[in-house]
Amino acid sequence: MNADRTVLVTGATGNQGGGVARALLADGWRVRAFVRDPGGSAARALADEGAELVRGDWDDVESLRRAVDGVHGVFGVQPLGAAEAELEAEVRWGISLAEIATDAGVEHFVYSSVGGAERRTGIDHFETKAAIERHVLASALPATILRPVFFMNNLLGFVDAGPERVMELPVLADRPMQFIAASDIGRIAAAVFAAPREWIGRQVEIAGDELSFADVARVYERLTGVPTRLVTRPIEDRMFEWFAESGYRADIAALREEFGRLLTFEEFLRRELDGRSGRVPA
């Protein structure tokens, strides 16, 4: 049945959108990938795996309309912004995609937001997603909102190390933090598209593991054999203040009950290290 239905995936050449596109393809869906450069290596890799590439630009509304035309579902995620103009563009693009999907009669719209967006965090790039969420929820779209937590993939910047690995971060060393692998966001999104009756109208924060950054350092040292230490820096950025004050609140036990095995950080890092060394992950 999935082979007769197409899902448009935005951000398909990124970690999150790529994870969703590959999970959908693995489950037998047809995938249309919205990409800026079909000739890029990430886009070509998706095409080799069976995705249909559609060239587009977020500011080109007609290219969005062409991408959405005829699809069953849409997975929406916008580029991350930092500067004011980028944040404004994120909201504009997210709302535009939702409105185009509404006009096109899309049967299932899955928007990827961020954990805590509904809690008025005061974090600029969380508040943009909250604004898009409000628009989606107020629309007539049959929608699901996923709220992923901190990406495990963001910790891969510490893979390369010399005689010692030093992780300098503005965090509380022993405060638990929730993480998720981009591939698990893909698995969850594919499961949501496969069960619209269960998921349309729902919003859920998603995570796969919870551990402190001190624990992250210990996992790195155990798996790589490189002495690793966490150096905590003063907390000045609003996002890291929020991590220390409140943080993510995904119900990981319930998520595992609903979606099955989700990667722990140790499992995720082992797979990444094995992949880079050419070994087949256990």
C-alpha atoms as a PDB file:
ATOM      1  CA  MET A   1       0.000   0.000   0.000  1.00  0.00           C
ATOM      2  CA  ASN A   2       2.831   2.428   0.818  1.00  0.00           C
ATOM      3  CA  ALA A   3       4.290   1.961  -2.664  1.00  0.00           C
ATOM      4  CA  ASP A   4       1.252   3.771  -4.088  1.00  0.00           C
ATOM      5  CA  ARG A   5       1.709   6.833  -1.874  1.00  0.00           C
ATOM      6  CA  THR A   6       4.328   9.575  -1.960  1.00  0.00           C
ATOM      7  CA  VAL A   7       5.658  11.595   0.945  1.00  0.00           C
ATOM      8  CA  LEU A   8       7.446  14.876   0.310  1.00  0.00           C
ATOM      9  CA  VAL A   9      10.454  15.256   2.602  1.00  0.00           C
ATOM     10  CA  THR A  10      11.945  18.706   3.072  1.00  0.00           C
ATOM     11  CA  GLY A  11      15.466  19.038   4.408  1.00  0.00           C
ATOM     12  CA  ALA A  12      16.145  15.703   2.760  1.00  0.00           C
ATOM     13  CA  THR A  13      19.891  16.229   2.400  1.00  0.00           C
ATOM     14  CA  GLY A  14      20.321  17.017   6.100  1.00  0.00           C
ATOM     15  CA  ASN A  15      20.654  14.676   9.071  1.00  0.00           C
ATOM     16  CA  GLN A  16      16.998  14.757  10.048  1.00  0.00           C
ATOM     17  CA  GLY A  17      15.321  14.863   6.648  1.00  0.00           C
ATOM     18  CA  GLY A  18      17.775  12.295   5.330  1.00  0.00           C
ATOM     19  CA  GLY A  19      16.910   9.959   8.185  1.00  0.00           C
ATOM     20  CA  VAL A  20      13.211  10.358   7.442  1.00  0.00           C
ATOM     21  CA  ALA A  21      13.641   9.837   3.689  1.00  0.00           C
ATOM     22  CA  ARG A  22      15.642   6.638   4.200  1.00  0.00           C
ATOM     23  CA  ALA A  23      13.252   5.247   6.791  1.00  0.00           C
ATOM     24  CA  LEU A  24      10.287   5.864   4.486  1.00  0.00           C
ATOM     25  CA  LEU A  25      12.076   4.243   1.551  1.00  0.00           C
ATOM     26  CA  ALA A  26      12.915   1.241   3.730  1.00  0.00           C
ATOM     27  CA  ASP A  27       9.223   0.921   4.603  1.00  0.00           C
ATOM     28  CA  GLY A  28       8.203   0.923   0.934  1.00  0.00           C
ATOM     29  CA  TRP A  29       6.984   4.506   0.548  1.00  0.00           C
ATOM     30  CA  ARG A  30       7.663   6.601  -2.493  1.00  0.00           C
ATOM     31  CA  VAL A  31       9.744   9.600  -1.418  1.00  0.00           C
ATOM     32  CA  ARG A  32       9.954  12.973  -3.104  1.00  0.00           C
ATOM     33  CA  ALA A  33      12.971  14.880  -1.787  1.00  0.00           C
ATOM     34  CA  PHE A  34      12.872  18.679  -1.855  1.00  0.00           C
ATOM     35  CA  VAL A  35      16.459  19.764  -2.596  1.00  0.00           C
ATOM     36  CA  ARG A  36      18.212  22.938  -3.643  1.00  0.00           C
ATOM     37  CA  ASP A  37      20.887  21.149  -5.684  1.00  0.00           C
ATOM     38  CA  PRO A  38      19.937  17.802  -7.261  1.00  0.00           C
ATOM     39  CA  GLY A  39      23.543  17.415  -8.396  1.00  0.00           C
ATOM     40  CA  GLY A  40      24.974  17.505  -4.895  1.00  0.00           C
ATOM     41  CA  SER A  41      26.459  14.349  -3.413  1.00  0.00           C
ATOM     42  CA  ALA A  42      23.806  14.008  -0.673  1.00  0.00           C
ATOM     43  CA  ALA A  43      20.979  14.446  -3.182  1.00  0.00           C
ATOM     44  CA  ARG A  44      22.523  11.960  -5.622  1.00  0.00           C
ATOM     45  CA  ALA A  45      22.891   9.426  -2.818  1.00  0.00           C
ATOM     46  CA  LEU A  46      19.161   9.742  -2.052  1.00  0.00           C
ATOM     47  CA  ALA A  47      18.315   9.323  -5.725  1.00  0.00           C
ATOM     48  CA  ASP A  48      20.467   6.184  -5.861  1.00  0.00           C
ATOM     49  CA  GLU A  49      18.406   4.805  -2.956  1.00  0.00           C
ATOM     50  CA  GLY A  50      15.154   5.425  -4.819  1.00  0.00           C
ATOM     51  CA  ALA A  51      14.034   8.947  -3.943  1.00  0.00           C
ATOM     52  CA  GLU A  52      12.568  11.278  -6.545  1.00  0.00           C
ATOM     53  CA  LEU A  53      14.438  14.586  -6.464  1.00  0.00           C
ATOM     54  CA  VAL A  54      12.568  17.832  -6.946  1.00  0.00           C
ATOM     55  CA  ARG A  55      14.554  21.037  -7.206  1.00  0.00           C
ATOM     56  CA  GLY A  56      13.245  23.945  -5.177  1.00  0.00           C
ATOM     57  CA  ASP A  57      13.937  26.944  -3.044  1.00  0.00           C
ATOM     58  CA  TRP A  58      12.080  27.937   0.123  1.00  0.00           C
ATOM     59  CA  ASP A  59      11.551  31.461  -1.192  1.00  0.00           C
ATOM     60  CA  ASP A  60      10.161  30.148  -4.485  1.00  0.00           C
ATOM     61  CA  VAL A  61       6.522  29.441  -3.608  1.00  0.00           C
ATOM     62  CA  GLU A  62       5.818  27.910  -6.992  1.00  0.00           C
ATOM     63  CA  SER A  63       8.584  25.360  -6.508  1.00  0.00           C
ATOM     64  CA  LEU A  64       6.978  24.406  -3.182  1.00  0.00           C
ATOM     65  CA  ARG A  65       3.599  24.023  -4.878  1.00  0.00           C
ATOM     66  CA  ARG A  66       5.106  21.753  -7.528  1.00  0.00           C
ATOM     67  CA  ALA A  67       6.801  19.677  -4.845  1.00  0.00           C
ATOM     68  CA  VAL A  68       3.600  19.240  -2.828  1.00  0.00           C
ATOM     69  CA  ASP A  69       1.365  18.544  -5.831  1.00  0.00           C
ATOM     70  CA  GLY A  70      -0.046  15.020  -5.743  1.00  0.00           C
ATOM     71  CA  VAL A  71       1.648  13.803  -2.566  1.00  0.00           C
ATOM     72  CA  HIS A  72      -0.063  11.872   0.212  1.00  0.00           C
ATOM     73  CA  GLY A  73       2.036  13.311   3.037  1.00  0.00           C
ATOM     74  CA  VAL A  74       4.568  15.997   3.843  1.00  0.00           C
ATOM     75  CA  PHE A  75       7.418  15.923   6.332  1.00  0.00           C
ATOM     76  CA  GLY A  76       8.234  19.522   7.122  1.00  0.00           C
ATOM     77  CA  VAL A  77      11.473  20.799   8.619  1.00  0.00           C
ATOM     78  CA  GLN A  78      13.109  24.134   7.856  1.00  0.00           C
ATOM     79  CA  PRO A  79      16.769  25.212   7.915  1.00  0.00           C
ATOM     80  CA  LEU A  80      17.990  26.249  11.353  1.00  0.00           C
ATOM     81  CA  GLY A  81      18.422  29.985  11.763  1.00  0.00           C
ATOM     82  CA  ALA A  82      20.407  32.154  14.167  1.00  0.00           C
ATOM     83  CA  ALA A  83      20.341  35.736  12.877  1.00  0.00           C
ATOM     84  CA  GLU A  84      17.071  37.656  13.051  1.00  0.00           C
ATOM     85  CA  ALA A  85      16.482  37.506   9.293  1.00  0.00           C
ATOM     86  CA  GLU A  86      17.073  33.734   9.315  1.00  0.00           C
ATOM     87  CA  LEU A  87      14.639  33.235  12.191  1.00  0.00           C
ATOM     88  CA  GLU A  88      11.997  35.282  10.408  1.00  0.00           C
ATOM     89  CA  ALA A  89      12.564  33.258   7.247  1.00  0.00           C
ATOM     90  CA  GLU A  90      12.147  29.971   9.142  1.00  0.00           C
ATOM     91  CA  VAL A  91       8.687  31.003  10.345  1.00  0.00           C
ATOM     92  CA  ARG A  92       7.697  32.313   6.919  1.00  0.00           C
ATOM     93  CA  TRP A  93       8.826  29.103   5.210  1.00  0.00           C
ATOM     94  CA  GLY A  94       7.158  26.816   7.745  1.00  0.00           C
ATOM     95  CA  ILE A  95       3.839  28.636   7.479  1.00  0.00           C
ATOM     96  CA  SER A  96       4.073  28.753   3.684  1.00  0.00           C
ATOM     97  CA  LEU A  97       4.598  24.983   3.482  1.00  0.00           C
ATOM     98  CA  ALA A  98       1.659  24.345   5.808  1.00  0.00           C
ATOM     99  CA  GLU A  99      -0.630  26.614   3.789  1.00  0.00           C
ATOM    100  CA  ILE A 100       0.400  25.027   0.490  1.00  0.00           C
ATOM    101  CA  ALA A 101      -0.164  21.559   1.972  1.00  0.00           C
ATOM    102  CA  THR A 102      -3.626  22.638   3.159  1.00  0.00           C
ATOM    103  CA  ASP A 103      -4.541  23.972  -0.281  1.00  0.00           C
ATOM    104  CA  ALA A 104      -3.290  20.767  -1.909  1.00  0.00           C
ATOM    105  CA  GLY A 105      -5.389  18.521   0.344  1.00  0.00           C
ATOM    106  CA  VAL A 106      -2.389  16.692   1.844  1.00  0.00           C
ATOM    107  CA  GLU A 107      -3.665  13.782   3.940  1.00  0.00           C
ATOM    108  CA  HIS A 108      -0.966  13.803   6.625  1.00  0.00           C
ATOM    109  CA  PHE A 109       1.392  16.641   7.511  1.00  0.00           C
ATOM    110  CA  VAL A 110       4.187  15.836   9.954  1.00  0.00           C
ATOM    111  CA  TYR A 111       6.001  18.870  11.294  1.00  0.00           C
ATOM    112  CA  SER A 112       9.326  18.459  13.059  1.00  0.00           C
ATOM    113  CA  SER A 113       9.628  21.072  15.784  1.00  0.00           C
ATOM    114  CA  VAL A 114      11.812  20.839  18.912  1.00  0.00           C
ATOM    115  CA  GLY A 115      11.368  19.470  22.402  1.00  0.00           C
ATOM    116  CA  GLY A 116       9.963  22.115  24.745  1.00  0.00           C
ATOM    117  CA  ALA A 117       8.689  24.422  21.999  1.00  0.00           C
ATOM    118  CA  GLU A 118       5.265  24.530  23.631  1.00  0.00           C
ATOM    119  CA  ARG A 119       6.742  25.679  26.978  1.00  0.00           C
ATOM    120  CA  ARG A 120       7.801  29.272  26.148  1.00  0.00           C
ATOM    121  CA  THR A 121      11.515  28.637  26.489  1.00  0.00           C
ATOM    122  CA  GLY A 122      12.696  32.074  25.395  1.00  0.00           C
ATOM    123  CA  ILE A 123      15.170  30.398  23.028  1.00  0.00           C
ATOM    124  CA  ASP A 124      14.992  32.164  19.672  1.00  0.00           C
ATOM    125  CA  HIS A 125      15.161  29.086  17.435  1.00  0.00           C
ATOM    126  CA  PHE A 126      12.688  27.229  19.682  1.00  0.00           C
ATOM    127  CA  GLU A 127      10.207  30.108  19.577  1.00  0.00           C
ATOM    128  CA  THR A 128      10.229  30.108  15.760  1.00  0.00           C
ATOM    129  CA  LYS A 129       9.146  26.480  15.815  1.00  0.00           C
ATOM    130  CA  ALA A 130       6.484  27.265  18.406  1.00  0.00           C
ATOM    131  CA  ALA A 131       5.081  29.897  16.030  1.00  0.00           C
ATOM    132  CA  ILE A 132       4.926  27.368  13.187  1.00  0.00           C
ATOM    133  CA  GLU A 133       3.314  24.821  15.524  1.00  0.00           C
ATOM    134  CA  ARG A 134       0.590  27.309  16.443  1.00  0.00           C
ATOM    135  CA  HIS A 135      -0.160  27.929  12.786  1.00  0.00           C
ATOM    136  CA  VAL A 136      -0.299  24.216  11.971  1.00  0.00           C
ATOM    137  CA  LEU A 137      -2.550  23.461  14.951  1.00  0.00           C
ATOM    138  CA  ALA A 138      -4.914  26.324  14.072  1.00  0.00           C
ATOM    139  CA  SER A 139      -5.182  25.172  10.448  1.00  0.00           C
ATOM    140  CA  ALA A 140      -7.354  22.482   8.912  1.00  0.00           C
ATOM    141  CA  LEU A 141      -4.321  20.280   8.268  1.00  0.00           C
ATOM    142  CA  PRO A 142      -4.452  16.653   9.423  1.00  0.00           C
ATOM    143  CA  ALA A 143      -1.171  16.982  11.270  1.00  0.00           C
ATOM    144  CA  THR A 144       1.229  15.422  13.736  1.00  0.00           C
ATOM    145  CA  ILE A 145       3.905  17.409  15.523  1.00  0.00           C
ATOM    146  CA  LEU A 146       7.151  15.688  16.500  1.00  0.00           C
ATOM    147  CA  ARG A 147       9.405  17.456  18.989  1.00  0.00           C
ATOM    148  CA  PRO A 148      12.923  15.949  18.837  1.00  0.00           C
ATOM    149  CA  VAL A 149      15.454  16.662  21.575  1.00  0.00           C
ATOM    150  CA  PHE A 150      19.224  17.225  21.275  1.00  0.00           C
ATOM    151  CA  PHE A 151      20.648  15.331  18.293  1.00  0.00           C
ATOM    152  CA  MET A 152      23.265  12.686  19.056  1.00  0.00           C
ATOM    153  CA  ASN A 153      24.682  13.577  15.638  1.00  0.00           C
ATOM    154  CA  ASN A 154      25.687  16.991  17.034  1.00  0.00           C
ATOM    155  CA  LEU A 155      28.168  15.245  19.340  1.00  0.00           C
ATOM    156  CA  LEU A 156      30.141  13.742  16.455  1.00  0.00           C
ATOM    157  CA  GLY A 157      32.283  16.858  16.347  1.00  0.00           C
ATOM    158  CA  PHE A 158      34.225  15.294  19.195  1.00  0.00           C
ATOM    159  CA  VAL A 159      35.089  12.097  17.297  1.00  0.00           C
ATOM    160  CA  ASP A 160      38.455  13.287  16.014  1.00  0.00           C
ATOM    161  CA  ALA A 161      40.897  13.713  18.885  1.00  0.00           C
ATOM    162  CA  GLY A 162      44.629  13.661  19.492  1.00  0.00           C
ATOM    163  CA  PRO A 163      46.246  12.135  22.535  1.00  0.00           C
ATOM    164  CA  GLU A 164      43.409  13.592  24.609  1.00  0.00           C
ATOM    165  CA  ARG A 165      39.795  14.531  23.857  1.00  0.00           C
ATOM    166  CA  VAL A 166      38.603  17.706  25.578  1.00  0.00           C
ATOM    167  CA  MET A 167      34.882  18.470  25.441  1.00  0.00           C
ATOM    168  CA  GLU A 168      34.385  22.143  26.294  1.00  0.00           C
ATOM    169  CA  LEU A 169      30.701  22.900  26.816  1.00  0.00           C
ATOM    170  CA  PRO A 170      28.607  25.421  28.803  1.00  0.00           C
ATOM    171  CA  VAL A 171      26.700  22.741  30.726  1.00  0.00           C
ATOM    172  CA  LEU A 172      26.221  21.287  34.193  1.00  0.00           C
ATOM    173  CA  ALA A 173      28.429  18.207  34.108  1.00  0.00           C
ATOM    174  CA  ASP A 174      26.113  15.783  35.898  1.00  0.00           C
ATOM    175  CA  ARG A 175      22.697  17.108  34.868  1.00  0.00           C
ATOM    176  CA  PRO A 176      20.815  14.503  32.770  1.00  0.00           C
ATOM    177  CA  MET A 177      20.260  15.485  29.139  1.00  0.00           C
ATOM    178  CA  GLN A 178      18.026  13.789  26.571  1.00  0.00           C
ATOM    179  CA  PHE A 179      19.339  12.836  23.131  1.00  0.00           C
ATOM    180  CA  ILE A 180      18.036  11.265  19.932  1.00  0.00           C
ATOM    181  CA  ALA A 181      19.694   9.862  16.796  1.00  0.00           C
ATOM    182  CA  ALA A 182      18.581  11.376  13.490  1.00  0.00           C
ATOM    183  CA  SER A 183      17.979   7.858  12.191  1.00  0.00           C
ATOM    184  CA  ASP A 184      15.477   7.286  15.010  1.00  0.00           C
ATOM    185  CA  ILE A 185      13.646  10.487  14.120  1.00  0.00           C
ATOM    186  CA  GLY A 186      13.310   8.892  10.694  1.00  0.00           C
ATOM    187  CA  ARG A 187      11.993   5.613  12.112  1.00  0.00           C
ATOM    188  CA  ILE A 188       9.475   7.423  14.289  1.00  0.00           C
ATOM    189  CA  ALA A 189       8.278   9.650  11.443  1.00  0.00           C
ATOM    190  CA  ALA A 190       7.830   6.623   9.162  1.00  0.00           C
ATOM    191  CA  ALA A 191       5.801   4.857  11.872  1.00  0.00           C
ATOM    192  CA  VAL A 192       3.644   7.967  12.286  1.00  0.00           C
ATOM    193  CA  PHE A 193       2.920   8.161   8.549  1.00  0.00           C
ATOM    194  CA  ALA A 194       1.989   4.457   8.611  1.00  0.00           C
ATOM    195  CA  ALA A 195      -0.604   4.963  11.377  1.00  0.00           C
ATOM    196  CA  PRO A 196      -2.498   8.182  10.592  1.00  0.00           C
ATOM    197  CA  ARG A 197      -5.578   7.276  12.624  1.00  0.00           C
ATOM    198  CA  GLU A 198      -3.429   6.942  15.724  1.00  0.00           C
ATOM    199  CA  TRP A 199      -1.267   9.979  15.118  1.00  0.00           C
ATOM    200  CA  ILE A 200      -3.177  12.778  13.422  1.00  0.00           C
ATOM    201  CA  GLY A 201      -3.872  15.439  16.017  1.00  0.00           C
ATOM    202  CA  ARG A 202      -1.056  14.394  18.359  1.00  0.00           C
ATOM    203  CA  GLN A 203       2.105  16.172  19.494  1.00  0.00           C
ATOM    204  CA  VAL A 204       4.954  14.233  21.087  1.00  0.00           C
ATOM    205  CA  GLU A 205       8.451  14.976  22.364  1.00  0.00           C
ATOM    206  CA  ILE A 206      10.859  12.295  21.153  1.00  0.00           C
ATOM    207  CA  ALA A 207      14.156  11.046  22.622  1.00  0.00           C
ATOM    208  CA  GLY A 208      16.121   7.813  22.673  1.00  0.00           C
ATOM    209  CA  ASP A 209      18.442   8.181  25.651  1.00  0.00           C
ATOM    210  CA  GLU A 210      19.132  10.279  28.735  1.00  0.00           C
ATOM    211  CA  LEU A 211      22.580  10.797  30.206  1.00  0.00           C
ATOM    212  CA  SER A 212      24.774  13.623  31.447  1.00  0.00           C
ATOM    213  CA  PHE A 213      27.538  15.218  29.408  1.00  0.00           C
ATOM    214  CA  ALA A 214      29.975  13.696  31.908  1.00  0.00           C
ATOM    215  CA  ASP A 215      28.516  10.333  30.888  1.00  0.00           C
ATOM    216  CA  VAL A 216      28.946  11.284  27.218  1.00  0.00           C
ATOM    217  CA  ALA A 217      32.645  11.856  27.878  1.00  0.00           C
ATOM    218  CA  ARG A 218      32.921   8.475  29.616  1.00  0.00           C
ATOM    219  CA  VAL A 219      31.238   6.727  26.675  1.00  0.00           C
ATOM    220  CA  TYR A 220      33.636   8.410  24.254  1.00  0.00           C
ATOM    221  CA  GLU A 221      36.635   7.295  26.277  1.00  0.00           C
ATOM    222  CA  ARG A 222      35.355   3.739  26.658  1.00  0.00           C
ATOM    223  CA  LEU A 223      34.657   3.257  22.946  1.00  0.00           C
ATOM    224  CA  THR A 224      37.667   5.078  21.500  1.00  0.00           C
ATOM    225  CA  GLY A 225      40.329   4.405  24.102  1.00  0.00           C
ATOM    226  CA  VAL A 226      41.275   8.104  23.988  1.00  0.00           C
ATOM    227  CA  PRO A 227      41.401   9.848  27.386  1.00  0.00           C
ATOM    228  CA  THR A 228      38.428  12.173  27.408  1.00  0.00           C
ATOM    229  CA  ARG A 229      37.441  14.904  29.814  1.00  0.00           C
ATOM    230  CA  LEU A 230      34.579  17.351  30.002  1.00  0.00           C
ATOM    231  CA  VAL A 231      35.466  20.980  30.697  1.00  0.00           C
ATOM    232  CA  THR A 232      32.439  23.010  31.723  1.00  0.00           C
ATOM    233  CA  ARG A 233      32.272  26.647  30.675  1.00  0.00           C
ATOM    234  CA  PRO A 234      30.114  29.483  32.069  1.00  0.00           C
ATOM    235  CA  ILE A 235      26.488  29.195  30.976  1.00  0.00           C
ATOM    236  CA  GLU A 236      25.570  32.388  29.115  1.00  0.00           C
ATOM    237  CA  ASP A 237      23.521  31.318  26.093  1.00  0.00           C
ATOM    238  CA  ARG A 238      19.773  31.083  26.716  1.00  0.00           C
ATOM    239  CA  MET A 239      19.520  27.556  25.311  1.00  0.00           C
ATOM    240  CA  PHE A 240      22.125  26.207  27.710  1.00  0.00           C
ATOM    241  CA  GLU A 241      20.479  28.109  30.563  1.00  0.00           C
ATOM    242  CA  TRP A 242      17.257  26.298  29.704  1.00  0.00           C
ATOM    243  CA  PHE A 243      19.056  22.960  29.612  1.00  0.00           C
ATOM    244  CA  ALA A 244      20.297  23.652  33.144  1.00  0.00           C
ATOM    245  CA  GLU A 245      16.968  24.995  34.456  1.00  0.00           C
ATOM    246  CA  SER A 246      14.385  22.754  32.836  1.00  0.00           C
ATOM    247  CA  GLY A 247      15.393  20.826  29.734  1.00  0.00           C
ATOM    248  CA  TYR A 248      13.682  18.176  27.671  1.00  0.00           C
ATOM    249  CA  ARG A 249      10.901  15.995  29.074  1.00  0.00           C
ATOM    250  CA  ALA A 250      10.335  13.128  26.645  1.00  0.00           C
ATOM    251  CA  ASP A 251       8.863   9.943  28.106  1.00  0.00           C
ATOM    252  CA  ILE A 252      11.520   7.573  26.793  1.00  0.00           C
ATOM    253  CA  ALA A 253       9.955   4.456  28.321  1.00  0.00           C
ATOM    254  CA  ALA A 254       6.646   5.191  26.599  1.00  0.00           C
ATOM    255  CA  LEU A 255       8.413   5.913  23.313  1.00  0.00           C
ATOM    256  CA  ARG A 256      10.230   2.582  23.459  1.00  0.00           C
ATOM    257  CA  GLU A 257       6.920   0.881  24.162  1.00  0.00           C
ATOM    258  CA  GLU A 258       5.369   2.513  21.108  1.00  0.00           C
ATOM    259  CA  PHE A 259       8.260   2.490  18.631  1.00  0.00           C
ATOM    260  CA  GLY A 260      10.460  -0.360  19.806  1.00  0.00           C
ATOM    261  CA  ARG A 261      14.218  -0.127  20.154  1.00  0.00           C
ATOM    262  CA  LEU A 262      15.632   3.397  20.067  1.00  0.00           C
ATOM    263  CA  LEU A 263      19.378   3.939  20.027  1.00  0.00           C
ATOM    264  CA  THR A 264      21.243   4.757  23.209  1.00  0.00           C
ATOM    265  CA  PHE A 265      24.121   7.181  22.790  1.00  0.00           C
ATOM    266  CA  GLU A 266      26.597   4.339  23.251  1.00  0.00           C
ATOM    267  CA  GLU A 267      24.937   2.282  20.513  1.00  0.00           C
ATOM    268  CA  PHE A 268      24.797   5.302  18.226  1.00  0.00           C
ATOM    269  CA  LEU A 269      28.461   6.184  18.736  1.00  0.00           C
ATOM    270  CA  ARG A 270      29.577   2.569  18.275  1.00  0.00           C
ATOM    271  CA  ARG A 271      27.749   2.435  14.930  1.00  0.00           C
ATOM    272  CA  GLU A 272      29.314   5.701  13.812  1.00  0.00           C
ATOM    273  CA  LEU A 273      32.809   4.613  14.812  1.00  0.00           C
ATOM    274  CA  ASP A 274      32.408   1.205  13.180  1.00  0.00           C
ATOM    275  CA  GLY A 275      31.128   2.849  10.010  1.00  0.00           C
ATOM    276  CA  ARG A 276      34.107   5.179   9.832  1.00  0.00           C
ATOM    277  CA  SER A 277      36.551   2.304  10.361  1.00  0.00           C
ATOM    278  CA  GLY A 278      34.854   0.197   7.697  1.00  0.00           C
ATOM    279  CA  ARG A 279      33.643  -2.419  10.165  1.00  0.00           C
ATOM    280  CA  VAL A 280      30.061  -3.632  10.050  1.00  0.00           C
ATOM    281  CA  PRO A 281      28.307  -2.407  13.224  1.00  0.00           C
ATOM    282  CA  ALA A 282      27.260  -5.153  15.617  1.00  0.00           C
END
